[in-house]
């Protein structure tokens, strides 16, 4: 049985793969979830996140762009872009606790990003959180 952290890791991987040009990755999501032992309630959570992000990606990107000071989302690293999209989606479209969402994004940034990714992700997501509070 997977954890929500593992679900988020997998969603980051799917978003990253799509961002680097693997448009067909969506066809294999069920196999990927099974390989990662994402089943039952966690699979439902994963599908909600993944489909929710894809369905709302333009609105999510617009919100993120509002809080990127000297950057544009297209110039942000692909891992960081995936993390921002996931975190922003969760902040805007779910009822999960914002502190948990941001903490998870920071932990994932430490895992997958570079030395400054976690601070960058924290800053942007904190701004998003404050704007909707």
C-alpha atoms as a PDB file:
ATOM      1  CA  UNK A   1       0.000   0.000   0.000  1.00  0.00           C
ATOM      2  CA  UNK A   2       1.363   3.367  -0.957  1.00  0.00           C
ATOM      3  CA  UNK A   3       1.340   6.596   0.993  1.00  0.00           C
ATOM      4  CA  UNK A   4       0.110   9.968  -0.195  1.00  0.00           C
ATOM      5  CA  UNK A   5       3.762  11.022  -0.411  1.00  0.00           C
ATOM      6  CA  UNK A   6       4.411   8.171  -2.850  1.00  0.00           C
ATOM      7  CA  UNK A   7       1.308   9.172  -4.811  1.00  0.00           C
ATOM      8  CA  UNK A   8       2.641  12.716  -5.096  1.00  0.00           C
ATOM      9  CA  UNK A   9       6.068  11.414  -6.191  1.00  0.00           C
ATOM     10  CA  UNK A  10       4.369   9.464  -8.949  1.00  0.00           C
ATOM     11  CA  UNK A  11       2.262  12.436 -10.052  1.00  0.00           C
ATOM     12  CA  UNK A  12       5.422  14.568 -10.221  1.00  0.00           C
ATOM     13  CA  UNK A  13       6.972  11.881 -12.428  1.00  0.00           C
ATOM     14  CA  UNK A  14       3.964  11.811 -14.747  1.00  0.00           C
ATOM     15  CA  UNK A  15       3.835  15.606 -15.023  1.00  0.00           C
ATOM     16  CA  UNK A  16       7.579  15.745 -15.633  1.00  0.00           C
ATOM     17  CA  UNK A  17       7.389  13.059 -18.341  1.00  0.00           C
ATOM     18  CA  UNK A  18       4.597  14.938 -20.076  1.00  0.00           C
ATOM     19  CA  UNK A  19       6.520  18.201 -19.829  1.00  0.00           C
ATOM     20  CA  UNK A  20       9.589  16.732 -21.525  1.00  0.00           C
ATOM     21  CA  UNK A  21       7.475  15.634 -24.464  1.00  0.00           C
ATOM     22  CA  UNK A  22       6.192  12.200 -23.541  1.00  0.00           C
ATOM     23  CA  UNK A  23       2.552  12.962 -24.327  1.00  0.00           C
ATOM     24  CA  UNK A  24       1.735   9.242 -24.362  1.00  0.00           C
ATOM     25  CA  UNK A  25       2.609   8.812 -20.673  1.00  0.00           C
ATOM     26  CA  UNK A  26      -1.045   9.327 -19.792  1.00  0.00           C
ATOM     27  CA  UNK A  27      -1.892   6.029 -21.522  1.00  0.00           C
ATOM     28  CA  UNK A  28       0.374   4.178 -19.089  1.00  0.00           C
ATOM     29  CA  UNK A  29      -0.701   5.811 -15.840  1.00  0.00           C
ATOM     30  CA  UNK A  30      -2.632   2.751 -14.650  1.00  0.00           C
ATOM     31  CA  UNK A  31       0.383   0.500 -15.202  1.00  0.00           C
ATOM     32  CA  UNK A  32       2.612   3.016 -13.439  1.00  0.00           C
ATOM     33  CA  UNK A  33       0.217   3.211 -10.493  1.00  0.00           C
ATOM     34  CA  UNK A  34       0.134  -0.586 -10.269  1.00  0.00           C
ATOM     35  CA  UNK A  35       3.929  -0.793 -10.453  1.00  0.00           C
ATOM     36  CA  UNK A  36       4.161   1.690  -7.571  1.00  0.00           C
ATOM     37  CA  UNK A  37       1.454  -0.255  -5.667  1.00  0.00           C
ATOM     38  CA  UNK A  38      -0.903   2.723  -5.776  1.00  0.00           C
ATOM     39  CA  UNK A  39      -4.265   1.062  -5.334  1.00  0.00           C
ATOM     40  CA  UNK A  40      -7.789   1.612  -4.018  1.00  0.00           C
ATOM     41  CA  UNK A  41      -8.197   4.932  -2.165  1.00  0.00           C
ATOM     42  CA  UNK A  42      -4.680   6.051  -3.023  1.00  0.00           C
ATOM     43  CA  UNK A  43      -5.313   5.359  -6.712  1.00  0.00           C
ATOM     44  CA  UNK A  44      -8.510   7.386  -6.507  1.00  0.00           C
ATOM     45  CA  UNK A  45      -6.497  10.220  -4.894  1.00  0.00           C
ATOM     46  CA  UNK A  46      -3.795   9.914  -7.595  1.00  0.00           C
ATOM     47  CA  UNK A  47      -6.314  10.032 -10.431  1.00  0.00           C
ATOM     48  CA  UNK A  48      -8.064  13.045  -8.901  1.00  0.00           C
ATOM     49  CA  UNK A  49      -4.743  14.885  -8.664  1.00  0.00           C
ATOM     50  CA  UNK A  50      -3.524  13.931 -12.116  1.00  0.00           C
ATOM     51  CA  UNK A  51      -6.749  14.591 -14.006  1.00  0.00           C
ATOM     52  CA  UNK A  52      -7.483  17.684 -11.937  1.00  0.00           C
ATOM     53  CA  UNK A  53      -4.121  19.214 -12.789  1.00  0.00           C
ATOM     54  CA  UNK A  54      -4.469  18.439 -16.489  1.00  0.00           C
ATOM     55  CA  UNK A  55      -8.038  19.760 -16.651  1.00  0.00           C
ATOM     56  CA  UNK A  56      -7.118  22.992 -14.871  1.00  0.00           C
ATOM     57  CA  UNK A  57      -3.556  23.475 -16.079  1.00  0.00           C
ATOM     58  CA  UNK A  58      -4.157  26.859 -17.738  1.00  0.00           C
ATOM     59  CA  UNK A  59      -5.767  28.320 -14.605  1.00  0.00           C
ATOM     60  CA  UNK A  60      -3.054  26.773 -12.408  1.00  0.00           C
ATOM     61  CA  UNK A  61      -0.270  28.184 -14.590  1.00  0.00           C
ATOM     62  CA  UNK A  62      -1.901  31.606 -14.562  1.00  0.00           C
ATOM     63  CA  UNK A  63      -1.957  31.634 -10.747  1.00  0.00           C
ATOM     64  CA  UNK A  64       1.651  30.439 -10.534  1.00  0.00           C
ATOM     65  CA  UNK A  65       2.803  33.108 -12.983  1.00  0.00           C
ATOM     66  CA  UNK A  66       1.318  35.796 -10.724  1.00  0.00           C
ATOM     67  CA  UNK A  67       3.790  34.847  -7.982  1.00  0.00           C
ATOM     68  CA  UNK A  68       6.942  34.267  -9.989  1.00  0.00           C
ATOM     69  CA  UNK A  69       8.818  37.481  -9.404  1.00  0.00           C
ATOM     70  CA  UNK A  70      11.519  37.566 -12.059  1.00  0.00           C
ATOM     71  CA  UNK A  71      10.546  34.351 -13.796  1.00  0.00           C
ATOM     72  CA  UNK A  72       8.052  32.963 -16.226  1.00  0.00           C
ATOM     73  CA  UNK A  73       6.739  29.472 -15.630  1.00  0.00           C
ATOM     74  CA  UNK A  74       8.146  28.261 -18.943  1.00  0.00           C
ATOM     75  CA  UNK A  75      11.661  29.175 -17.750  1.00  0.00           C
ATOM     76  CA  UNK A  76      11.335  27.350 -14.424  1.00  0.00           C
ATOM     77  CA  UNK A  77      12.930  23.903 -14.277  1.00  0.00           C
ATOM     78  CA  UNK A  78      10.650  21.054 -15.260  1.00  0.00           C
ATOM     79  CA  UNK A  79      10.782  19.377 -11.832  1.00  0.00           C
ATOM     80  CA  UNK A  80       9.988  22.650 -10.101  1.00  0.00           C
ATOM     81  CA  UNK A  81       7.206  23.343 -12.603  1.00  0.00           C
ATOM     82  CA  UNK A  82       5.646  19.944 -11.845  1.00  0.00           C
ATOM     83  CA  UNK A  83       5.936  20.598  -8.098  1.00  0.00           C
ATOM     84  CA  UNK A  84       4.356  24.039  -8.424  1.00  0.00           C
ATOM     85  CA  UNK A  85       1.504  22.688 -10.516  1.00  0.00           C
ATOM     86  CA  UNK A  86       0.780  19.912  -8.032  1.00  0.00           C
ATOM     87  CA  UNK A  87       1.002  22.188  -4.989  1.00  0.00           C
ATOM     88  CA  UNK A  88      -1.055  24.957  -6.561  1.00  0.00           C
ATOM     89  CA  UNK A  89      -3.707  22.493  -7.696  1.00  0.00           C
ATOM     90  CA  UNK A  90      -3.983  21.094  -4.176  1.00  0.00           C
ATOM     91  CA  UNK A  91      -4.185  24.570  -2.638  1.00  0.00           C
ATOM     92  CA  UNK A  92      -6.850  25.767  -5.068  1.00  0.00           C
ATOM     93  CA  UNK A  93      -8.975  22.692  -5.682  1.00  0.00           C
ATOM     94  CA  UNK A  94      -8.774  20.416  -2.637  1.00  0.00           C
ATOM     95  CA  UNK A  95      -9.753  20.690   0.997  1.00  0.00           C
ATOM     96  CA  UNK A  96      -6.401  19.404   2.236  1.00  0.00           C
ATOM     97  CA  UNK A  97      -4.601  21.421   4.893  1.00  0.00           C
ATOM     98  CA  UNK A  98      -2.416  24.045   3.233  1.00  0.00           C
ATOM     99  CA  UNK A  99       0.459  23.463   5.674  1.00  0.00           C
ATOM    100  CA  UNK A 100       0.506  19.770   4.726  1.00  0.00           C
ATOM    101  CA  UNK A 101       0.385  20.599   1.011  1.00  0.00           C
ATOM    102  CA  UNK A 102       3.281  23.059   1.230  1.00  0.00           C
ATOM    103  CA  UNK A 103       5.339  20.793   3.489  1.00  0.00           C
ATOM    104  CA  UNK A 104       4.886  17.885   1.071  1.00  0.00           C
ATOM    105  CA  UNK A 105       5.937  20.084  -1.856  1.00  0.00           C
ATOM    106  CA  UNK A 106       9.048  21.213   0.051  1.00  0.00           C
ATOM    107  CA  UNK A 107       9.976  17.613   0.875  1.00  0.00           C
ATOM    108  CA  UNK A 108       9.499  16.576  -2.752  1.00  0.00           C
ATOM    109  CA  UNK A 109      11.622  19.537  -3.871  1.00  0.00           C
ATOM    110  CA  UNK A 110      14.407  18.400  -1.543  1.00  0.00           C
ATOM    111  CA  UNK A 111      14.114  14.908  -3.031  1.00  0.00           C
ATOM    112  CA  UNK A 112      13.937  15.790  -6.716  1.00  0.00           C
ATOM    113  CA  UNK A 113      15.064  19.394  -7.135  1.00  0.00           C
ATOM    114  CA  UNK A 114      18.321  21.243  -6.727  1.00  0.00           C
ATOM    115  CA  UNK A 115      19.728  23.029  -3.659  1.00  0.00           C
ATOM    116  CA  UNK A 116      17.432  26.048  -3.983  1.00  0.00           C
ATOM    117  CA  UNK A 117      14.272  24.295  -5.156  1.00  0.00           C
ATOM    118  CA  UNK A 118      12.701  23.861  -1.728  1.00  0.00           C
ATOM    119  CA  UNK A 119      12.984  27.560  -0.850  1.00  0.00           C
ATOM    120  CA  UNK A 120      11.661  28.568  -4.252  1.00  0.00           C
ATOM    121  CA  UNK A 121       8.697  26.170  -4.028  1.00  0.00           C
ATOM    122  CA  UNK A 122       7.962  27.289  -0.478  1.00  0.00           C
ATOM    123  CA  UNK A 123       7.968  30.962  -1.455  1.00  0.00           C
ATOM    124  CA  UNK A 124       5.660  30.583  -4.429  1.00  0.00           C
ATOM    125  CA  UNK A 125       3.200  28.215  -2.737  1.00  0.00           C
ATOM    126  CA  UNK A 126       3.104  30.362   0.397  1.00  0.00           C
ATOM    127  CA  UNK A 127       2.164  33.347  -1.777  1.00  0.00           C
ATOM    128  CA  UNK A 128      -0.562  31.309  -3.471  1.00  0.00           C
ATOM    129  CA  UNK A 129      -1.874  30.206  -0.066  1.00  0.00           C
ATOM    130  CA  UNK A 130      -1.982  33.792   1.231  1.00  0.00           C
ATOM    131  CA  UNK A 131      -3.865  34.943  -1.856  1.00  0.00           C
ATOM    132  CA  UNK A 132      -6.672  32.449  -1.290  1.00  0.00           C
ATOM    133  CA  UNK A 133      -6.890  32.714   2.488  1.00  0.00           C
END
